[in-house]
N, C-alpha and C. Protein backbone atom coordinates (compact mmCIF):
# COMPACT_ATOMS: atom_id res chain seq x y z
N MET A 1 49.86 148.20 -57.63
CA MET A 1 50.89 148.84 -58.43
C MET A 1 50.29 150.02 -59.20
N ARG A 2 51.02 151.08 -59.30
CA ARG A 2 50.56 152.30 -59.94
C ARG A 2 50.63 152.16 -61.45
N GLN A 3 49.50 152.39 -62.12
CA GLN A 3 49.44 152.29 -63.58
C GLN A 3 49.58 153.66 -64.24
N LEU A 4 48.96 154.67 -63.63
CA LEU A 4 49.00 156.02 -64.20
C LEU A 4 50.24 156.73 -63.69
N ASN A 5 50.80 157.60 -64.54
CA ASN A 5 51.94 158.39 -64.06
C ASN A 5 51.42 159.51 -63.14
N GLU A 6 52.32 160.24 -62.53
CA GLU A 6 51.94 161.24 -61.53
C GLU A 6 51.05 162.33 -62.12
N GLU A 7 51.37 162.80 -63.32
CA GLU A 7 50.56 163.85 -63.95
C GLU A 7 49.15 163.36 -64.22
N GLU A 8 49.02 162.16 -64.75
CA GLU A 8 47.69 161.60 -65.05
C GLU A 8 46.88 161.43 -63.76
N ALA A 9 47.52 160.93 -62.72
CA ALA A 9 46.83 160.74 -61.44
C ALA A 9 46.41 162.08 -60.84
N ASN A 10 47.27 163.08 -60.95
CA ASN A 10 46.94 164.41 -60.42
C ASN A 10 45.74 165.02 -61.16
N ILE A 11 45.71 164.87 -62.46
CA ILE A 11 44.59 165.40 -63.26
C ILE A 11 43.30 164.70 -62.87
N ALA A 12 43.34 163.37 -62.77
CA ALA A 12 42.14 162.60 -62.43
C ALA A 12 41.65 162.96 -61.03
N ASN A 13 42.56 163.07 -60.07
CA ASN A 13 42.17 163.41 -58.71
C ASN A 13 41.59 164.82 -58.62
N ARG A 14 42.23 165.76 -59.28
CA ARG A 14 41.75 167.15 -59.25
C ARG A 14 40.35 167.23 -59.86
N PHE A 15 40.15 166.54 -60.98
CA PHE A 15 38.84 166.51 -61.63
C PHE A 15 37.79 165.92 -60.68
N LEU A 16 38.14 164.81 -60.05
CA LEU A 16 37.22 164.13 -59.14
C LEU A 16 36.82 165.04 -57.99
N PHE A 17 37.80 165.63 -57.32
CA PHE A 17 37.49 166.44 -56.15
C PHE A 17 36.87 167.79 -56.51
N LEU A 18 37.21 168.35 -57.67
CA LEU A 18 36.52 169.57 -58.12
C LEU A 18 35.04 169.28 -58.38
N SER A 19 34.76 168.13 -58.96
CA SER A 19 33.37 167.75 -59.21
C SER A 19 32.59 167.65 -57.91
N MET A 20 33.21 167.06 -56.90
CA MET A 20 32.56 166.96 -55.59
C MET A 20 32.38 168.33 -54.96
N ALA A 21 33.38 169.19 -55.08
CA ALA A 21 33.31 170.53 -54.50
C ALA A 21 32.18 171.33 -55.15
N ILE A 22 32.00 171.18 -56.45
CA ILE A 22 30.93 171.90 -57.15
C ILE A 22 29.57 171.46 -56.63
N VAL A 23 29.39 170.17 -56.39
CA VAL A 23 28.13 169.68 -55.83
C VAL A 23 27.89 170.30 -54.45
N VAL A 24 28.91 170.31 -53.61
CA VAL A 24 28.79 170.88 -52.26
C VAL A 24 28.44 172.37 -52.35
N LEU A 25 29.09 173.09 -53.25
CA LEU A 25 28.82 174.53 -53.38
C LEU A 25 27.38 174.79 -53.82
N HIS A 26 26.88 174.00 -54.76
CA HIS A 26 25.48 174.16 -55.18
C HIS A 26 24.52 173.88 -54.02
N GLN A 27 24.82 172.85 -53.24
CA GLN A 27 23.98 172.53 -52.08
C GLN A 27 24.03 173.65 -51.05
N ASP A 28 25.23 174.17 -50.79
CA ASP A 28 25.38 175.25 -49.82
C ASP A 28 24.65 176.51 -50.28
N SER A 29 24.73 176.80 -51.56
CA SER A 29 24.05 177.97 -52.10
C SER A 29 22.54 177.85 -51.91
N ALA A 30 22.00 176.68 -52.20
CA ALA A 30 20.56 176.46 -52.03
C ALA A 30 20.18 176.57 -50.55
N TYR A 31 21.02 176.06 -49.68
CA TYR A 31 20.75 176.12 -48.24
C TYR A 31 20.76 177.57 -47.75
N ILE A 32 21.73 178.35 -48.20
CA ILE A 32 21.81 179.75 -47.78
C ILE A 32 20.62 180.54 -48.30
N ARG A 33 20.20 180.27 -49.53
CA ARG A 33 19.05 180.98 -50.10
C ARG A 33 17.79 180.75 -49.25
N LYS A 34 17.66 179.55 -48.67
CA LYS A 34 16.49 179.22 -47.86
C LYS A 34 16.66 179.59 -46.39
N SER A 35 17.85 179.97 -46.00
CA SER A 35 18.14 180.22 -44.58
C SER A 35 17.54 181.54 -44.11
N PRO A 36 17.45 181.69 -42.79
CA PRO A 36 16.90 182.94 -42.24
C PRO A 36 17.95 184.05 -42.10
N LEU A 37 19.09 183.92 -42.74
CA LEU A 37 20.10 184.97 -42.67
C LEU A 37 19.51 186.29 -43.15
N LYS A 38 19.89 187.36 -42.49
CA LYS A 38 19.37 188.69 -42.86
C LYS A 38 19.99 189.19 -44.16
N ILE A 39 21.31 189.02 -44.28
CA ILE A 39 22.01 189.49 -45.48
C ILE A 39 22.69 188.29 -46.12
N LYS A 40 22.10 187.77 -47.17
CA LYS A 40 22.58 186.56 -47.82
C LYS A 40 23.40 186.84 -49.06
N GLU A 41 23.21 188.00 -49.64
CA GLU A 41 23.74 188.28 -50.97
C GLU A 41 25.25 188.09 -51.05
N ASN A 42 25.99 188.55 -50.05
CA ASN A 42 27.45 188.43 -50.09
C ASN A 42 27.89 186.97 -50.11
N TYR A 43 27.22 186.15 -49.31
CA TYR A 43 27.56 184.73 -49.27
C TYR A 43 27.23 184.05 -50.59
N ILE A 44 26.08 184.39 -51.12
CA ILE A 44 25.65 183.81 -52.39
C ILE A 44 26.60 184.24 -53.51
N GLU A 45 27.02 185.49 -53.48
CA GLU A 45 27.97 185.99 -54.49
C GLU A 45 29.31 185.26 -54.39
N LEU A 46 29.81 185.09 -53.18
CA LEU A 46 31.07 184.38 -52.97
C LEU A 46 30.98 182.94 -53.46
N ILE A 47 29.92 182.26 -53.10
CA ILE A 47 29.74 180.88 -53.54
C ILE A 47 29.60 180.83 -55.06
N GLY A 48 28.91 181.79 -55.64
CA GLY A 48 28.77 181.85 -57.09
C GLY A 48 30.12 181.99 -57.78
N LYS A 49 30.99 182.83 -57.24
CA LYS A 49 32.34 182.98 -57.80
C LYS A 49 33.12 181.69 -57.67
N MET A 50 32.97 181.04 -56.54
CA MET A 50 33.68 179.77 -56.32
C MET A 50 33.19 178.71 -57.31
N ILE A 51 31.88 178.66 -57.54
CA ILE A 51 31.33 177.70 -58.51
C ILE A 51 31.86 178.00 -59.90
N THR A 52 31.90 179.26 -60.28
CA THR A 52 32.39 179.64 -61.60
C THR A 52 33.85 179.24 -61.77
N MET A 53 34.67 179.53 -60.78
CA MET A 53 36.09 179.19 -60.85
C MET A 53 36.29 177.68 -60.94
N ALA A 54 35.56 176.94 -60.10
CA ALA A 54 35.69 175.48 -60.10
C ALA A 54 35.20 174.88 -61.41
N THR A 55 34.10 175.40 -61.93
CA THR A 55 33.55 174.90 -63.19
C THR A 55 34.51 175.18 -64.35
N ASN A 56 35.09 176.37 -64.37
CA ASN A 56 36.05 176.69 -65.44
C ASN A 56 37.28 175.79 -65.38
N GLU A 57 37.79 175.57 -64.17
CA GLU A 57 38.96 174.69 -64.04
C GLU A 57 38.60 173.26 -64.43
N ARG A 58 37.43 172.80 -64.01
CA ARG A 58 37.01 171.44 -64.37
C ARG A 58 36.82 171.29 -65.88
N ARG A 59 36.34 172.34 -66.52
CA ARG A 59 36.18 172.31 -67.99
C ARG A 59 37.54 172.13 -68.67
N LEU A 60 38.56 172.85 -68.18
CA LEU A 60 39.91 172.70 -68.73
C LEU A 60 40.47 171.31 -68.47
N LEU A 61 40.22 170.80 -67.28
CA LEU A 61 40.67 169.44 -66.96
C LEU A 61 39.98 168.41 -67.85
N ARG A 62 38.69 168.62 -68.10
CA ARG A 62 37.94 167.69 -68.95
C ARG A 62 38.52 167.67 -70.36
N LYS A 63 38.92 168.84 -70.87
CA LYS A 63 39.53 168.90 -72.20
C LYS A 63 40.86 168.14 -72.21
N LYS A 64 41.66 168.33 -71.16
CA LYS A 64 42.92 167.58 -71.06
C LYS A 64 42.65 166.09 -71.00
N MET A 65 41.64 165.73 -70.22
CA MET A 65 41.31 164.31 -70.07
C MET A 65 40.84 163.71 -71.39
N GLN A 66 40.06 164.45 -72.14
CA GLN A 66 39.61 163.95 -73.44
C GLN A 66 40.79 163.77 -74.38
N ALA A 67 41.72 164.70 -74.36
CA ALA A 67 42.90 164.59 -75.22
C ALA A 67 43.76 163.40 -74.83
N MET A 68 43.75 163.06 -73.53
CA MET A 68 44.55 161.94 -73.04
C MET A 68 43.75 160.63 -72.99
N HIS A 69 42.50 160.67 -73.47
CA HIS A 69 41.61 159.51 -73.42
C HIS A 69 41.49 159.00 -71.98
N MET A 70 41.18 159.91 -71.08
CA MET A 70 41.13 159.61 -69.65
C MET A 70 39.69 159.72 -69.16
N GLN A 71 39.33 158.81 -68.23
CA GLN A 71 38.02 158.83 -67.60
C GLN A 71 38.14 158.56 -66.11
N VAL A 72 37.17 159.08 -65.36
CA VAL A 72 37.05 158.80 -63.93
C VAL A 72 35.64 158.23 -63.73
N VAL A 73 35.58 157.02 -63.17
CA VAL A 73 34.31 156.33 -63.00
C VAL A 73 34.17 155.88 -61.54
N THR A 74 32.99 156.10 -60.96
CA THR A 74 32.72 155.59 -59.61
C THR A 74 32.42 154.11 -59.73
N LEU A 75 33.13 153.29 -58.94
CA LEU A 75 32.92 151.85 -58.97
C LEU A 75 32.00 151.38 -57.86
N ASP A 76 32.33 151.75 -56.62
CA ASP A 76 31.61 151.19 -55.48
C ASP A 76 31.63 152.17 -54.32
N GLN A 77 30.55 152.17 -53.56
CA GLN A 77 30.45 153.01 -52.38
C GLN A 77 29.91 152.17 -51.24
N ASN A 78 30.57 152.22 -50.11
CA ASN A 78 30.01 151.62 -48.91
C ASN A 78 30.14 152.62 -47.78
N GLY A 79 29.89 152.22 -46.56
CA GLY A 79 29.90 153.15 -45.45
C GLY A 79 31.22 153.86 -45.21
N SER A 80 32.33 153.21 -45.48
CA SER A 80 33.63 153.77 -45.14
C SER A 80 34.48 154.17 -46.33
N PHE A 81 34.31 153.51 -47.45
CA PHE A 81 35.18 153.73 -48.59
C PHE A 81 34.38 153.94 -49.88
N THR A 82 34.99 154.66 -50.80
CA THR A 82 34.46 154.81 -52.15
C THR A 82 35.57 154.47 -53.12
N SER A 83 35.24 153.66 -54.13
CA SER A 83 36.23 153.23 -55.11
C SER A 83 35.97 153.91 -56.44
N TYR A 84 37.06 154.33 -57.07
CA TYR A 84 37.00 154.97 -58.38
C TYR A 84 37.95 154.25 -59.31
N LEU A 85 37.59 154.26 -60.59
CA LEU A 85 38.45 153.70 -61.61
C LEU A 85 38.92 154.84 -62.49
N PHE A 86 40.24 154.99 -62.58
CA PHE A 86 40.85 155.97 -63.47
C PHE A 86 41.38 155.21 -64.66
N THR A 87 40.98 155.61 -65.86
CA THR A 87 41.50 154.99 -67.08
C THR A 87 42.18 156.06 -67.92
N CYS A 88 43.28 155.68 -68.55
CA CYS A 88 44.02 156.61 -69.39
C CYS A 88 44.80 155.82 -70.43
N GLN A 89 44.43 155.98 -71.68
CA GLN A 89 45.13 155.36 -72.80
C GLN A 89 45.34 153.86 -72.58
N GLY A 90 44.27 153.18 -72.19
CA GLY A 90 44.33 151.74 -72.01
C GLY A 90 44.82 151.29 -70.65
N LYS A 91 45.35 152.20 -69.84
CA LYS A 91 45.81 151.85 -68.49
C LYS A 91 44.66 152.08 -67.52
N GLU A 92 44.56 151.22 -66.52
CA GLU A 92 43.52 151.37 -65.51
C GLU A 92 44.14 151.36 -64.12
N GLU A 93 43.56 152.18 -63.26
CA GLU A 93 44.01 152.21 -61.87
C GLU A 93 42.78 152.37 -60.98
N LYS A 94 42.63 151.45 -60.05
CA LYS A 94 41.52 151.52 -59.10
C LYS A 94 42.03 152.21 -57.84
N CYS A 95 41.28 153.23 -57.40
CA CYS A 95 41.66 153.98 -56.21
C CYS A 95 40.54 153.88 -55.18
N ASN A 96 40.90 153.50 -53.97
CA ASN A 96 39.95 153.44 -52.86
C ASN A 96 40.23 154.63 -51.94
N TYR A 97 39.19 155.39 -51.65
CA TYR A 97 39.33 156.54 -50.77
C TYR A 97 38.48 156.33 -49.53
N PHE A 98 39.07 156.61 -48.38
CA PHE A 98 38.36 156.61 -47.11
C PHE A 98 37.45 157.83 -47.13
N ASN A 99 36.16 157.64 -46.89
CA ASN A 99 35.20 158.74 -47.04
C ASN A 99 35.55 159.98 -46.21
N PRO A 100 36.02 159.85 -44.96
CA PRO A 100 36.45 161.07 -44.25
C PRO A 100 37.65 161.75 -44.93
N ALA A 101 38.49 161.00 -45.61
CA ALA A 101 39.61 161.61 -46.35
C ALA A 101 39.07 162.39 -47.55
N ILE A 102 38.04 161.88 -48.20
CA ILE A 102 37.41 162.60 -49.31
C ILE A 102 36.86 163.92 -48.79
N ARG A 103 36.18 163.86 -47.68
CA ARG A 103 35.61 165.08 -47.08
C ARG A 103 36.70 166.10 -46.79
N SER A 104 37.82 165.63 -46.25
CA SER A 104 38.93 166.52 -45.94
C SER A 104 39.52 167.15 -47.20
N LYS A 105 39.68 166.37 -48.26
CA LYS A 105 40.23 166.90 -49.51
C LYS A 105 39.28 167.94 -50.12
N VAL A 106 37.99 167.65 -50.08
CA VAL A 106 37.01 168.61 -50.62
C VAL A 106 37.01 169.88 -49.77
N LYS A 107 37.12 169.74 -48.46
CA LYS A 107 37.18 170.90 -47.57
C LYS A 107 38.39 171.77 -47.89
N ASP A 108 39.55 171.14 -48.09
CA ASP A 108 40.75 171.89 -48.44
C ASP A 108 40.59 172.59 -49.78
N LEU A 109 39.97 171.92 -50.73
CA LEU A 109 39.74 172.50 -52.05
C LEU A 109 38.78 173.68 -51.96
N LEU A 110 37.76 173.57 -51.13
CA LEU A 110 36.84 174.69 -50.93
C LEU A 110 37.56 175.89 -50.32
N GLY A 111 38.47 175.64 -49.39
CA GLY A 111 39.26 176.72 -48.81
C GLY A 111 40.12 177.40 -49.86
N GLU A 112 40.72 176.60 -50.73
CA GLU A 112 41.54 177.15 -51.81
C GLU A 112 40.69 178.01 -52.74
N LEU A 113 39.52 177.52 -53.11
CA LEU A 113 38.62 178.28 -53.99
C LEU A 113 38.16 179.57 -53.31
N MET A 114 37.89 179.50 -52.01
CA MET A 114 37.44 180.68 -51.28
C MET A 114 38.52 181.76 -51.27
N GLN A 115 39.75 181.35 -51.05
CA GLN A 115 40.86 182.32 -51.06
C GLN A 115 41.00 182.97 -52.42
N LYS A 116 40.93 182.17 -53.48
CA LYS A 116 41.04 182.71 -54.83
C LYS A 116 39.88 183.65 -55.14
N ALA A 117 38.68 183.28 -54.72
CA ALA A 117 37.50 184.10 -55.01
C ALA A 117 37.53 185.42 -54.26
N GLN A 118 38.21 185.48 -53.13
CA GLN A 118 38.25 186.70 -52.32
C GLN A 118 39.40 187.63 -52.70
N ARG A 119 40.28 187.23 -53.56
CA ARG A 119 41.45 188.06 -53.90
C ARG A 119 41.08 189.47 -54.32
N PRO A 120 40.09 189.67 -55.18
CA PRO A 120 39.76 191.06 -55.55
C PRO A 120 39.35 191.88 -54.32
N TYR A 121 38.66 191.26 -53.37
CA TYR A 121 38.25 191.97 -52.16
C TYR A 121 39.47 192.33 -51.32
N GLN A 122 40.41 191.42 -51.24
CA GLN A 122 41.59 191.67 -50.41
C GLN A 122 42.41 192.83 -50.96
N THR A 123 42.59 192.90 -52.27
CA THR A 123 43.38 193.98 -52.84
C THR A 123 42.63 195.32 -52.76
N SER A 124 41.31 195.30 -52.97
CA SER A 124 40.57 196.56 -52.89
C SER A 124 40.46 197.04 -51.44
N ALA A 125 40.40 196.12 -50.50
CA ALA A 125 40.33 196.52 -49.09
C ALA A 125 41.65 197.13 -48.64
N ALA A 126 42.76 196.70 -49.21
CA ALA A 126 44.06 197.25 -48.86
C ALA A 126 44.22 198.68 -49.36
N ASN A 127 43.49 199.04 -50.40
CA ASN A 127 43.60 200.37 -50.98
C ASN A 127 42.77 201.41 -50.21
N VAL A 128 41.93 200.99 -49.29
CA VAL A 128 41.05 201.91 -48.55
C VAL A 128 41.80 202.63 -47.48
């Protein structure tokens, strides 16, 4: 049975997946820095913008969560599933995520961040 309302669940999920996306972006940035790519700077700059945007959004979500007395805690991880506990104002909700579904959600979120990070390039390229 659902304990958190839709807004609370959306905030908790967004916070959770943004946190995962930030970890992936940091790992990708480190990998690109060590890679044999000839021109890395553009990729590193794009990932840096994505990290900044994700971090700023997560900071705002964290403030909302603190105001709502909300927490996201990892409970259990096995080969196929990861369990999280969302708490908000005395209510608790345990969520089990299929690990490939987590990967898919993080991938979609990375695509969203990439589109947002490229917007200045898209508008300036249209003016050429």
